Amino acid sequence: MNIEVAEEREDGALILLPVGRLDSANARAFESIVMEHIGNDERKLIFDFGRLSFISSSGMRVLLIAAKRLSANEGTIALCNMQDHIEEVFRVSGFDQIIPIRDSRQAALEVS
């Protein structure tokens, strides 16, 4: 199963906007999209979760892999516009200590 991921550019960053659910059914497709961008030398990725209704551990794993790969390449990653229930999962799991979470896209763009 595929996942719809809109793409935008702003201030030198690639913004990925996944739509709907990110779970074990589509995490591999999402990982392929993300890793392709990182492999094409993207150095600043913002994940705007404004249209994401659910994320499973499979989806979170993709973000962790992306964060590690970007860090190794001296890049940055940030998450923004999360619904409260999704942000709570990231905070409880400690992911907010690994990947910066910001309320707005503008604040995410300021992560360095």
N, C-alpha and C. Protein backbone atom coordinates (compact mmCIF):
# COMPACT_ATOMS: atom_id res chain seq x y z
N MET A 1 0.84 -1.19 0.00
CA MET A 1 0.00 0.00 0.00
C MET A 1 0.88 1.24 0.00
N ASN A 2 0.56 2.19 -0.83
CA ASN A 2 1.32 3.43 -0.91
C ASN A 2 0.76 4.48 0.03
N ILE A 3 1.56 5.49 0.25
CA ILE A 3 1.14 6.63 1.05
C ILE A 3 1.30 7.88 0.20
N GLU A 4 0.34 8.76 0.30
CA GLU A 4 0.45 10.03 -0.41
C GLU A 4 1.37 10.95 0.39
N VAL A 5 2.38 11.48 -0.29
CA VAL A 5 3.33 12.39 0.35
C VAL A 5 3.49 13.60 -0.57
N ALA A 6 2.93 14.72 -0.17
CA ALA A 6 3.12 15.95 -0.94
C ALA A 6 4.50 16.50 -0.64
N GLU A 7 5.06 17.22 -1.60
CA GLU A 7 6.40 17.79 -1.44
C GLU A 7 6.36 19.27 -1.77
N GLU A 8 7.05 20.05 -0.93
CA GLU A 8 7.18 21.49 -1.14
C GLU A 8 8.61 21.89 -0.82
N ARG A 9 9.01 23.04 -1.29
CA ARG A 9 10.33 23.59 -0.96
C ARG A 9 10.13 24.97 -0.35
N GLU A 10 10.93 25.22 0.69
CA GLU A 10 10.87 26.53 1.34
C GLU A 10 12.20 26.78 2.04
N ASP A 11 12.78 27.94 1.81
CA ASP A 11 14.03 28.36 2.45
C ASP A 11 15.12 27.29 2.40
N GLY A 12 15.28 26.64 1.26
CA GLY A 12 16.32 25.64 1.10
C GLY A 12 16.02 24.29 1.71
N ALA A 13 14.83 24.11 2.23
CA ALA A 13 14.44 22.84 2.85
C ALA A 13 13.43 22.12 1.97
N LEU A 14 13.48 20.80 2.02
CA LEU A 14 12.45 19.98 1.41
C LEU A 14 11.43 19.66 2.49
N ILE A 15 10.18 19.97 2.21
CA ILE A 15 9.12 19.71 3.17
C ILE A 15 8.29 18.56 2.64
N LEU A 16 8.19 17.51 3.43
CA LEU A 16 7.39 16.35 3.07
C LEU A 16 6.13 16.35 3.92
N LEU A 17 4.99 16.18 3.28
CA LEU A 17 3.69 16.22 3.95
C LEU A 17 2.95 14.91 3.73
N PRO A 18 3.18 13.92 4.60
CA PRO A 18 2.44 12.67 4.46
C PRO A 18 0.96 12.87 4.80
N VAL A 19 0.11 12.14 4.09
CA VAL A 19 -1.33 12.28 4.25
C VAL A 19 -1.94 10.99 4.76
N GLY A 20 -2.79 11.11 5.77
CA GLY A 20 -3.54 9.95 6.27
C GLY A 20 -2.81 9.20 7.36
N ARG A 21 -2.65 7.90 7.14
CA ARG A 21 -2.03 7.01 8.12
C ARG A 21 -0.66 6.57 7.66
N LEU A 22 0.28 6.53 8.58
CA LEU A 22 1.61 6.00 8.31
C LEU A 22 1.79 4.81 9.25
N ASP A 23 1.70 3.61 8.68
CA ASP A 23 1.75 2.41 9.50
C ASP A 23 2.51 1.30 8.78
N SER A 24 2.44 0.11 9.30
CA SER A 24 3.22 -1.00 8.74
C SER A 24 2.82 -1.31 7.30
N ALA A 25 1.62 -0.95 6.90
CA ALA A 25 1.17 -1.23 5.54
C ALA A 25 1.87 -0.36 4.50
N ASN A 26 2.31 0.84 4.91
CA ASN A 26 2.91 1.74 3.92
C ASN A 26 4.25 2.33 4.37
N ALA A 27 4.79 1.87 5.48
CA ALA A 27 6.06 2.42 5.99
C ALA A 27 7.20 2.20 5.01
N ARG A 28 7.23 1.05 4.34
CA ARG A 28 8.32 0.79 3.38
C ARG A 28 8.26 1.75 2.20
N ALA A 29 7.06 2.03 1.72
CA ALA A 29 6.91 2.99 0.63
C ALA A 29 7.37 4.37 1.08
N PHE A 30 7.00 4.75 2.29
CA PHE A 30 7.41 6.04 2.85
C PHE A 30 8.93 6.08 3.01
N GLU A 31 9.51 4.99 3.50
CA GLU A 31 10.96 4.93 3.67
C GLU A 31 11.66 5.10 2.32
N SER A 32 11.15 4.48 1.28
CA SER A 32 11.75 4.61 -0.05
C SER A 32 11.76 6.06 -0.51
N ILE A 33 10.66 6.76 -0.29
CA ILE A 33 10.56 8.17 -0.68
C ILE A 33 11.59 9.00 0.08
N VAL A 34 11.63 8.82 1.39
CA VAL A 34 12.53 9.60 2.23
C VAL A 34 13.99 9.31 1.90
N MET A 35 14.33 8.03 1.79
CA MET A 35 15.73 7.67 1.53
C MET A 35 16.17 8.10 0.14
N GLU A 36 15.27 8.11 -0.81
CA GLU A 36 15.62 8.60 -2.14
C GLU A 36 16.03 10.07 -2.08
N HIS A 37 15.28 10.86 -1.33
CA HIS A 37 15.63 12.28 -1.19
C HIS A 37 16.96 12.46 -0.48
N ILE A 38 17.18 11.71 0.58
CA ILE A 38 18.45 11.81 1.30
C ILE A 38 19.59 11.37 0.40
N GLY A 39 19.36 10.32 -0.38
CA GLY A 39 20.37 9.85 -1.32
C GLY A 39 20.68 10.85 -2.42
N ASN A 40 19.74 11.74 -2.68
CA ASN A 40 19.93 12.80 -3.69
C ASN A 40 20.48 14.07 -3.06
N ASP A 41 21.12 13.93 -1.91
CA ASP A 41 21.82 15.02 -1.23
C ASP A 41 20.93 16.08 -0.61
N GLU A 42 19.71 15.74 -0.26
CA GLU A 42 18.91 16.67 0.53
C GLU A 42 19.57 16.79 1.89
N ARG A 43 19.74 18.00 2.38
CA ARG A 43 20.42 18.22 3.66
C ARG A 43 19.48 18.74 4.75
N LYS A 44 18.31 19.23 4.34
CA LYS A 44 17.37 19.76 5.33
C LYS A 44 15.98 19.25 5.00
N LEU A 45 15.47 18.36 5.86
CA LEU A 45 14.14 17.79 5.68
C LEU A 45 13.22 18.24 6.81
N ILE A 46 12.06 18.68 6.42
CA ILE A 46 11.00 19.02 7.37
C ILE A 46 9.83 18.09 7.07
N PHE A 47 9.33 17.44 8.09
CA PHE A 47 8.14 16.62 7.95
C PHE A 47 6.98 17.39 8.57
N ASP A 48 6.07 17.84 7.73
CA ASP A 48 4.89 18.58 8.18
C ASP A 48 3.77 17.55 8.34
N PHE A 49 3.38 17.31 9.58
CA PHE A 49 2.39 16.28 9.89
C PHE A 49 0.98 16.83 10.02
N GLY A 50 0.72 17.99 9.44
CA GLY A 50 -0.60 18.60 9.52
C GLY A 50 -1.71 17.75 8.93
N ARG A 51 -1.37 16.87 7.99
CA ARG A 51 -2.38 16.02 7.34
C ARG A 51 -2.24 14.55 7.74
N LEU A 52 -1.40 14.29 8.75
CA LEU A 52 -1.20 12.92 9.21
C LEU A 52 -2.14 12.64 10.38
N SER A 53 -2.92 11.57 10.27
CA SER A 53 -3.88 11.25 11.33
C SER A 53 -3.39 10.16 12.28
N PHE A 54 -2.37 9.38 11.86
CA PHE A 54 -1.88 8.28 12.69
C PHE A 54 -0.46 7.93 12.25
N ILE A 55 0.38 7.57 13.22
CA ILE A 55 1.71 7.04 12.91
C ILE A 55 1.99 5.88 13.86
N SER A 56 2.46 4.77 13.30
CA SER A 56 2.80 3.60 14.09
C SER A 56 4.30 3.59 14.35
N SER A 57 4.74 2.59 15.08
CA SER A 57 6.17 2.46 15.34
C SER A 57 6.95 2.23 14.05
N SER A 58 6.32 1.62 13.06
CA SER A 58 6.98 1.43 11.76
C SER A 58 7.27 2.77 11.09
N GLY A 59 6.34 3.68 11.18
CA GLY A 59 6.55 5.02 10.63
C GLY A 59 7.59 5.80 11.41
N MET A 60 7.57 5.65 12.72
CA MET A 60 8.54 6.34 13.56
C MET A 60 9.95 5.82 13.29
N ARG A 61 10.06 4.53 13.01
CA ARG A 61 11.36 3.93 12.67
C ARG A 61 11.95 4.58 11.44
N VAL A 62 11.12 4.85 10.44
CA VAL A 62 11.60 5.51 9.22
C VAL A 62 12.18 6.89 9.56
N LEU A 63 11.53 7.61 10.45
CA LEU A 63 12.02 8.93 10.84
C LEU A 63 13.35 8.83 11.58
N LEU A 64 13.48 7.81 12.41
CA LEU A 64 14.74 7.60 13.14
C LEU A 64 15.88 7.29 12.17
N ILE A 65 15.63 6.45 11.20
CA ILE A 65 16.64 6.12 10.19
C ILE A 65 17.02 7.39 9.42
N ALA A 66 16.02 8.18 9.05
CA ALA A 66 16.29 9.42 8.32
C ALA A 66 17.11 10.38 9.16
N ALA A 67 16.78 10.50 10.44
CA ALA A 67 17.52 11.40 11.32
C ALA A 67 18.98 10.97 11.44
N LYS A 68 19.22 9.69 11.58
CA LYS A 68 20.59 9.19 11.69
C LYS A 68 21.36 9.43 10.40
N ARG A 69 20.73 9.16 9.27
CA ARG A 69 21.40 9.34 7.98
C ARG A 69 21.69 10.81 7.74
N LEU A 70 20.73 11.68 8.03
CA LEU A 70 20.96 13.12 7.84
C LEU A 70 22.06 13.63 8.76
N SER A 71 22.05 13.18 10.00
CA SER A 71 23.08 13.61 10.95
C SER A 71 24.47 13.20 10.47
N ALA A 72 24.58 12.00 9.93
CA ALA A 72 25.87 11.53 9.41
C ALA A 72 26.33 12.36 8.22
N ASN A 73 25.37 12.93 7.50
CA ASN A 73 25.68 13.76 6.32
C ASN A 73 25.66 15.26 6.65
N GLU A 74 25.69 15.57 7.96
CA GLU A 74 25.65 16.96 8.43
C GLU A 74 24.40 17.70 7.98
N GLY A 75 23.30 16.95 7.92
CA GLY A 75 22.01 17.55 7.56
C GLY A 75 21.14 17.71 8.80
N THR A 76 19.94 18.25 8.59
CA THR A 76 19.01 18.45 9.70
C THR A 76 17.64 17.91 9.35
N ILE A 77 16.91 17.59 10.39
CA ILE A 77 15.55 17.10 10.27
C ILE A 77 14.73 17.76 11.36
N ALA A 78 13.47 18.02 11.06
CA ALA A 78 12.55 18.53 12.08
C ALA A 78 11.14 18.11 11.71
N LEU A 79 10.30 18.01 12.71
CA LEU A 79 8.90 17.66 12.55
C LEU A 79 8.05 18.84 12.99
N CYS A 80 6.91 19.02 12.34
CA CYS A 80 6.04 20.13 12.76
C CYS A 80 4.57 19.83 12.48
N ASN A 81 3.74 20.68 13.03
CA ASN A 81 2.28 20.65 12.82
C ASN A 81 1.64 19.32 13.19
N MET A 82 2.10 18.74 14.29
CA MET A 82 1.55 17.45 14.73
C MET A 82 0.23 17.64 15.47
N GLN A 83 -0.68 16.70 15.24
CA GLN A 83 -1.87 16.65 16.07
C GLN A 83 -1.44 16.23 17.47
N ASP A 84 -2.18 16.64 18.46
CA ASP A 84 -1.80 16.40 19.86
C ASP A 84 -1.53 14.93 20.16
N HIS A 85 -2.39 14.03 19.67
CA HIS A 85 -2.22 12.61 20.00
C HIS A 85 -0.96 12.03 19.36
N ILE A 86 -0.54 12.55 18.22
CA ILE A 86 0.69 12.08 17.58
C ILE A 86 1.90 12.64 18.32
N GLU A 87 1.84 13.91 18.68
CA GLU A 87 2.95 14.52 19.41
C GLU A 87 3.16 13.81 20.75
N GLU A 88 2.08 13.42 21.40
CA GLU A 88 2.20 12.73 22.68
C GLU A 88 2.97 11.41 22.53
N VAL A 89 2.72 10.68 21.46
CA VAL A 89 3.43 9.43 21.21
C VAL A 89 4.92 9.70 21.06
N PHE A 90 5.28 10.76 20.35
CA PHE A 90 6.69 11.10 20.17
C PHE A 90 7.34 11.50 21.50
N ARG A 91 6.63 12.22 22.32
CA ARG A 91 7.19 12.65 23.60
C ARG A 91 7.32 11.49 24.58
N VAL A 92 6.30 10.66 24.67
CA VAL A 92 6.32 9.52 25.59
C VAL A 92 7.43 8.54 25.21
N SER A 93 7.64 8.36 23.92
CA SER A 93 8.66 7.41 23.44
C SER A 93 10.07 7.99 23.48
N GLY A 94 10.19 9.30 23.74
CA GLY A 94 11.51 9.94 23.79
C GLY A 94 12.03 10.40 22.45
N PHE A 95 11.24 10.24 21.40
CA PHE A 95 11.68 10.66 20.07
C PHE A 95 11.91 12.16 20.00
N ASP A 96 11.24 12.92 20.84
CA ASP A 96 11.44 14.37 20.83
C ASP A 96 12.83 14.75 21.33
N GLN A 97 13.54 13.81 21.94
CA GLN A 97 14.92 14.05 22.36
C GLN A 97 15.90 13.79 21.21
N ILE A 98 15.43 13.11 20.17
CA ILE A 98 16.26 12.75 19.03
C ILE A 98 15.97 13.65 17.83
N ILE A 99 14.69 13.90 17.60
CA ILE A 99 14.25 14.69 16.45
C ILE A 99 13.50 15.92 16.96
N PRO A 100 13.93 17.11 16.55
CA PRO A 100 13.24 18.32 17.00
C PRO A 100 11.79 18.36 16.52
N ILE A 101 10.89 18.73 17.42
CA ILE A 101 9.48 18.88 17.11
C ILE A 101 9.13 20.35 17.35
N ARG A 102 8.53 20.97 16.36
CA ARG A 102 8.14 22.37 16.46
C ARG A 102 6.65 22.51 16.15
N ASP A 103 6.04 23.56 16.70
CA ASP A 103 4.62 23.79 16.48
C ASP A 103 4.30 24.21 15.05
N SER A 104 5.19 24.98 14.45
CA SER A 104 4.90 25.54 13.12
C SER A 104 6.00 25.18 12.14
N ARG A 105 5.67 25.30 10.88
CA ARG A 105 6.67 25.08 9.83
C ARG A 105 7.78 26.11 9.93
N GLN A 106 7.43 27.35 10.20
CA GLN A 106 8.44 28.39 10.31
C GLN A 106 9.45 28.06 11.41
N ALA A 107 8.97 27.60 12.55
CA ALA A 107 9.87 27.22 13.64
C ALA A 107 10.72 26.02 13.25
N ALA A 108 10.16 25.08 12.49
CA ALA A 108 10.93 23.92 12.03
C ALA A 108 12.03 24.33 11.06
N LEU A 109 11.76 25.33 10.24
CA LEU A 109 12.76 25.81 9.29
C LEU A 109 13.96 26.43 10.00
N GLU A 110 13.77 26.90 11.23
CA GLU A 110 14.84 27.53 11.98
C GLU A 110 15.76 26.54 12.69
N VAL A 111 15.40 25.24 12.67
CA VAL A 111 16.24 24.22 13.29
C VAL A 111 17.52 24.08 12.49
N SER A 112 18.66 24.07 13.20
CA SER A 112 19.94 23.91 12.49
C SER A 112 20.76 22.82 13.13
